[in-house]
Amino acid sequence: MSSEENKAVVRKFIEAYNNRNLDLFDDLVAPDYVDHTHQQQGLESFKQLFTLAFEGFPDWHENIEDIIAEGDKVWVCVKATGTHTGEWNLFGVSLPPTGKKVKMMMVFIWRIADGKLAEGWEVDNELDFLKQLGVIEFTEKGKKLFPEDVK
């Protein structure tokens, strides 16, 4: 497939995700998909990850800021926003809704095979995300190193 065709697969996937259309995942994700970030394998495990995210952040939305493709890989940078209004499982611990709005930049790298996502990696700032939720707080030294009014 061409780089443009591979980018189209990723765009369709993010659109399906934003529209909560997990049925389209069957057409866009390989049955033996490998998620290197969350260390799991298989389409059903991948769908379950999104189902849990939708429960915790029902309004979660990802906007593509940039997308680059070369060979069988696609890199996409998204700006994600959402409100934590539902239960969310965080590292095996259930986090009750905080009502807090969060935003984060995320980079995904996907390998495309036969027109489907075959492997994926995610890069984001989980520390800032958890801070926005109020799950963690910086120490006094951390507050000096990372002042909140600078973004």
C-alpha atoms as a PDB file:
ATOM      1  CA  MET A   1       0.000   0.000   0.000  1.00  0.00           C
ATOM      2  CA  SER A   2       1.102   3.565  -0.597  1.00  0.00           C
ATOM      3  CA  SER A   3       1.900   6.048   2.163  1.00  0.00           C
ATOM      4  CA  GLU A   4      -1.320   7.917   1.374  1.00  0.00           C
ATOM      5  CA  GLU A   5      -3.370   4.699   1.623  1.00  0.00           C
ATOM      6  CA  ASN A   6      -1.738   3.895   4.969  1.00  0.00           C
ATOM      7  CA  LYS A   7      -2.521   7.395   6.266  1.00  0.00           C
ATOM      8  CA  ALA A   8      -6.128   6.926   5.138  1.00  0.00           C
ATOM      9  CA  VAL A   9      -6.368   3.752   7.267  1.00  0.00           C
ATOM     10  CA  VAL A  10      -5.174   5.671  10.332  1.00  0.00           C
ATOM     11  CA  ARG A  11      -7.577   8.558   9.644  1.00  0.00           C
ATOM     12  CA  LYS A  12     -10.493   6.095   9.363  1.00  0.00           C
ATOM     13  CA  PHE A  13      -9.422   4.414  12.592  1.00  0.00           C
ATOM     14  CA  ILE A  14      -9.297   7.703  14.537  1.00  0.00           C
ATOM     15  CA  GLU A  15     -12.654   8.713  13.047  1.00  0.00           C
ATOM     16  CA  ALA A  16     -14.163   5.366  14.089  1.00  0.00           C
ATOM     17  CA  TYR A  17     -12.701   5.843  17.563  1.00  0.00           C
ATOM     18  CA  ASN A  18     -14.052   9.388  17.870  1.00  0.00           C
ATOM     19  CA  ASN A  19     -17.491   8.155  16.744  1.00  0.00           C
ATOM     20  CA  ARG A  20     -17.386   5.189  19.159  1.00  0.00           C
ATOM     21  CA  ASN A  21     -17.793   2.781  16.243  1.00  0.00           C
ATOM     22  CA  LEU A  22     -15.922  -0.268  17.513  1.00  0.00           C
ATOM     23  CA  ASP A  23     -17.522  -2.399  14.779  1.00  0.00           C
ATOM     24  CA  LEU A  24     -15.289  -0.624  12.233  1.00  0.00           C
ATOM     25  CA  PHE A  25     -12.250  -1.826  14.166  1.00  0.00           C
ATOM     26  CA  ASP A  26     -12.874  -5.259  12.599  1.00  0.00           C
ATOM     27  CA  ASP A  27     -12.159  -3.725   9.176  1.00  0.00           C
ATOM     28  CA  LEU A  28      -9.255  -1.538  10.317  1.00  0.00           C
ATOM     29  CA  VAL A  29      -7.322  -3.608  12.880  1.00  0.00           C
ATOM     30  CA  ALA A  30      -5.652  -6.987  12.334  1.00  0.00           C
ATOM     31  CA  PRO A  31      -7.018  -9.859  14.454  1.00  0.00           C
ATOM     32  CA  ASP A  32      -3.522 -10.448  15.899  1.00  0.00           C
ATOM     33  CA  TYR A  33      -2.809  -6.727  16.505  1.00  0.00           C
ATOM     34  CA  VAL A  34       0.165  -6.118  18.846  1.00  0.00           C
ATOM     35  CA  ASP A  35      -0.101  -3.181  21.269  1.00  0.00           C
ATOM     36  CA  HIS A  36       3.447  -2.597  22.459  1.00  0.00           C
ATOM     37  CA  THR A  37       2.518   0.228  24.841  1.00  0.00           C
ATOM     38  CA  HIS A  38      -0.097  -1.683  26.827  1.00  0.00           C
ATOM     39  CA  GLN A  39       1.633  -5.027  26.254  1.00  0.00           C
ATOM     40  CA  GLN A  40      -1.338  -6.880  24.880  1.00  0.00           C
ATOM     41  CA  GLN A  41      -2.221  -8.709  21.711  1.00  0.00           C
ATOM     42  CA  GLY A  42      -5.376  -9.267  19.713  1.00  0.00           C
ATOM     43  CA  LEU A  43      -8.245  -7.235  18.341  1.00  0.00           C
ATOM     44  CA  GLU A  44     -10.617  -8.044  21.212  1.00  0.00           C
ATOM     45  CA  SER A  45      -8.102  -6.884  23.844  1.00  0.00           C
ATOM     46  CA  PHE A  46      -7.605  -3.704  21.844  1.00  0.00           C
ATOM     47  CA  LYS A  47     -11.369  -3.094  21.685  1.00  0.00           C
ATOM     48  CA  GLN A  48     -11.633  -3.667  25.449  1.00  0.00           C
ATOM     49  CA  LEU A  49      -9.004  -0.990  26.076  1.00  0.00           C
ATOM     50  CA  PHE A  50     -11.127   1.521  24.152  1.00  0.00           C
ATOM     51  CA  THR A  51     -14.331   0.414  25.879  1.00  0.00           C
ATOM     52  CA  LEU A  52     -12.724   1.145  29.264  1.00  0.00           C
ATOM     53  CA  ALA A  53     -11.518   4.532  28.021  1.00  0.00           C
ATOM     54  CA  PHE A  54     -15.030   5.415  26.777  1.00  0.00           C
ATOM     55  CA  GLU A  55     -16.479   4.540  30.195  1.00  0.00           C
ATOM     56  CA  GLY A  56     -14.069   6.841  32.017  1.00  0.00           C
ATOM     57  CA  PHE A  57     -14.028   9.629  29.423  1.00  0.00           C
ATOM     58  CA  PRO A  58     -17.275   9.480  27.409  1.00  0.00           C
ATOM     59  CA  ASP A  59     -16.493  12.713  25.525  1.00  0.00           C
ATOM     60  CA  TRP A  60     -12.860  11.795  24.694  1.00  0.00           C
ATOM     61  CA  HIS A  61     -11.926  13.151  21.281  1.00  0.00           C
ATOM     62  CA  GLU A  62      -8.712  13.089  19.289  1.00  0.00           C
ATOM     63  CA  ASN A  63      -7.912  15.698  16.661  1.00  0.00           C
ATOM     64  CA  ILE A  64      -5.151  14.924  14.169  1.00  0.00           C
ATOM     65  CA  GLU A  65      -2.523  17.659  14.315  1.00  0.00           C
ATOM     66  CA  ASP A  66       0.035  16.021  12.010  1.00  0.00           C
ATOM     67  CA  ILE A  67       0.439  12.740  10.168  1.00  0.00           C
ATOM     68  CA  ILE A  68       3.513  11.301   8.451  1.00  0.00           C
ATOM     69  CA  ALA A  69       3.911   8.006   6.623  1.00  0.00           C
ATOM     70  CA  GLU A  70       6.899   6.158   5.287  1.00  0.00           C
ATOM     71  CA  GLY A  71       6.959   2.567   4.138  1.00  0.00           C
ATOM     72  CA  ASP A  72       4.543   0.546   6.254  1.00  0.00           C
ATOM     73  CA  LYS A  73       4.639   2.976   9.245  1.00  0.00           C
ATOM     74  CA  VAL A  74       2.387   5.931  10.041  1.00  0.00           C
ATOM     75  CA  TRP A  75       3.181   8.507  12.740  1.00  0.00           C
ATOM     76  CA  VAL A  76       0.278  10.638  13.892  1.00  0.00           C
ATOM     77  CA  CYS A  77       0.251  13.441  16.449  1.00  0.00           C
ATOM     78  CA  VAL A  78      -3.145  14.095  18.030  1.00  0.00           C
ATOM     79  CA  LYS A  79      -4.502  16.603  20.507  1.00  0.00           C
ATOM     80  CA  ALA A  80      -6.819  14.698  22.838  1.00  0.00           C
ATOM     81  CA  THR A  81      -9.438  16.165  25.147  1.00  0.00           C
ATOM     82  CA  GLY A  82     -11.944  14.619  27.515  1.00  0.00           C
ATOM     83  CA  THR A  83     -13.796  14.871  30.789  1.00  0.00           C
ATOM     84  CA  HIS A  84     -13.406  12.219  33.477  1.00  0.00           C
ATOM     85  CA  THR A  85     -17.082  11.580  34.257  1.00  0.00           C
ATOM     86  CA  GLY A  86     -17.073   7.788  34.610  1.00  0.00           C
ATOM     87  CA  GLU A  87     -15.220   5.058  36.480  1.00  0.00           C
ATOM     88  CA  TRP A  88     -11.772   4.517  35.015  1.00  0.00           C
ATOM     89  CA  ASN A  89      -9.377   1.681  35.690  1.00  0.00           C
ATOM     90  CA  LEU A  90      -5.888   3.051  36.281  1.00  0.00           C
ATOM     91  CA  PHE A  91      -3.153   0.428  36.639  1.00  0.00           C
ATOM     92  CA  GLY A  92      -5.649  -2.018  38.143  1.00  0.00           C
ATOM     93  CA  VAL A  93      -7.180   0.548  40.527  1.00  0.00           C
ATOM     94  CA  SER A  94     -10.660   1.923  39.896  1.00  0.00           C
ATOM     95  CA  LEU A  95     -10.624   5.723  39.876  1.00  0.00           C
ATOM     96  CA  PRO A  96     -14.016   7.303  40.601  1.00  0.00           C
ATOM     97  CA  PRO A  97     -15.056  10.219  38.369  1.00  0.00           C
ATOM     98  CA  THR A  98     -13.273  13.484  39.125  1.00  0.00           C
ATOM     99  CA  GLY A  99     -15.246  15.649  36.699  1.00  0.00           C
ATOM    100  CA  LYS A 100     -11.945  17.137  35.553  1.00  0.00           C
ATOM    101  CA  LYS A 101     -11.315  18.107  31.950  1.00  0.00           C
ATOM    102  CA  VAL A 102      -8.000  16.950  30.557  1.00  0.00           C
ATOM    103  CA  LYS A 103      -6.025  17.600  27.410  1.00  0.00           C
ATOM    104  CA  MET A 104      -2.878  16.013  26.094  1.00  0.00           C
ATOM    105  CA  MET A 105      -0.747  15.639  23.029  1.00  0.00           C
ATOM    106  CA  MET A 106      -0.166  12.057  21.942  1.00  0.00           C
ATOM    107  CA  VAL A 107       1.934  10.443  19.228  1.00  0.00           C
ATOM    108  CA  PHE A 108       0.969   7.074  17.815  1.00  0.00           C
ATOM    109  CA  ILE A 109       3.126   4.957  15.559  1.00  0.00           C
ATOM    110  CA  TRP A 110       1.330   2.254  13.635  1.00  0.00           C
ATOM    111  CA  ARG A 111       2.600  -0.428  11.303  1.00  0.00           C
ATOM    112  CA  ILE A 112       0.097  -1.133   8.553  1.00  0.00           C
ATOM    113  CA  ALA A 113      -0.150  -4.588   6.964  1.00  0.00           C
ATOM    114  CA  ASP A 114      -2.721  -5.585   4.354  1.00  0.00           C
ATOM    115  CA  GLY A 115      -4.651  -2.356   4.947  1.00  0.00           C
ATOM    116  CA  LYS A 116      -4.999  -2.834   8.713  1.00  0.00           C
ATOM    117  CA  LEU A 117      -3.259  -1.669  11.867  1.00  0.00           C
ATOM    118  CA  ALA A 118      -0.918  -4.536  12.726  1.00  0.00           C
ATOM    119  CA  GLU A 119       1.263  -3.061  15.492  1.00  0.00           C
ATOM    120  CA  GLY A 120       1.117   0.094  17.567  1.00  0.00           C
ATOM    121  CA  TRP A 121       3.129   2.251  19.939  1.00  0.00           C
ATOM    122  CA  GLU A 122       1.952   5.292  21.926  1.00  0.00           C
ATOM    123  CA  VAL A 123       3.971   8.182  23.326  1.00  0.00           C
ATOM    124  CA  ASP A 124       2.345  10.688  25.685  1.00  0.00           C
ATOM    125  CA  ASN A 125       2.889  12.531  28.938  1.00  0.00           C
ATOM    126  CA  GLU A 126       1.108  10.312  31.468  1.00  0.00           C
ATOM    127  CA  LEU A 127       2.560  12.296  34.367  1.00  0.00           C
ATOM    128  CA  ASP A 128       0.881  15.514  33.210  1.00  0.00           C
ATOM    129  CA  PHE A 129      -2.340  13.606  32.468  1.00  0.00           C
ATOM    130  CA  LEU A 130      -2.453  12.167  36.003  1.00  0.00           C
ATOM    131  CA  LYS A 131      -1.688  15.605  37.436  1.00  0.00           C
ATOM    132  CA  GLN A 132      -4.605  17.114  35.490  1.00  0.00           C
ATOM    133  CA  LEU A 133      -6.876  14.471  37.016  1.00  0.00           C
ATOM    134  CA  GLY A 134      -5.628  15.303  40.487  1.00  0.00           C
ATOM    135  CA  VAL A 135      -4.315  11.768  40.992  1.00  0.00           C
ATOM    136  CA  ILE A 136      -0.795  13.005  41.698  1.00  0.00           C
ATOM    137  CA  GLU A 137       0.660  16.256  42.944  1.00  0.00           C
ATOM    138  CA  PHE A 138       4.152  17.604  42.520  1.00  0.00           C
ATOM    139  CA  THR A 139       6.387  18.026  45.544  1.00  0.00           C
ATOM    140  CA  GLU A 140       7.598  21.525  46.391  1.00  0.00           C
ATOM    141  CA  LYS A 141      10.735  20.849  44.363  1.00  0.00           C
ATOM    142  CA  GLY A 142       8.621  19.592  41.462  1.00  0.00           C
ATOM    143  CA  LYS A 143       6.464  22.727  41.578  1.00  0.00           C
ATOM    144  CA  LYS A 144       9.611  24.866  41.252  1.00  0.00           C
ATOM    145  CA  LEU A 145      10.881  22.775  38.333  1.00  0.00           C
ATOM    146  CA  PHE A 146       7.486  22.631  36.575  1.00  0.00           C
ATOM    147  CA  PRO A 147       5.532  25.798  37.403  1.00  0.00           C
ATOM    148  CA  GLU A 148       1.851  25.471  36.508  1.00  0.00           C
ATOM    149  CA  ASP A 149       1.537  28.869  34.841  1.00  0.00           C
ATOM    150  CA  VAL A 150       4.064  27.890  32.151  1.00  0.00           C
ATOM    151  CA  LYS A 151       2.675  25.818  29.293  1.00  0.00           C
END
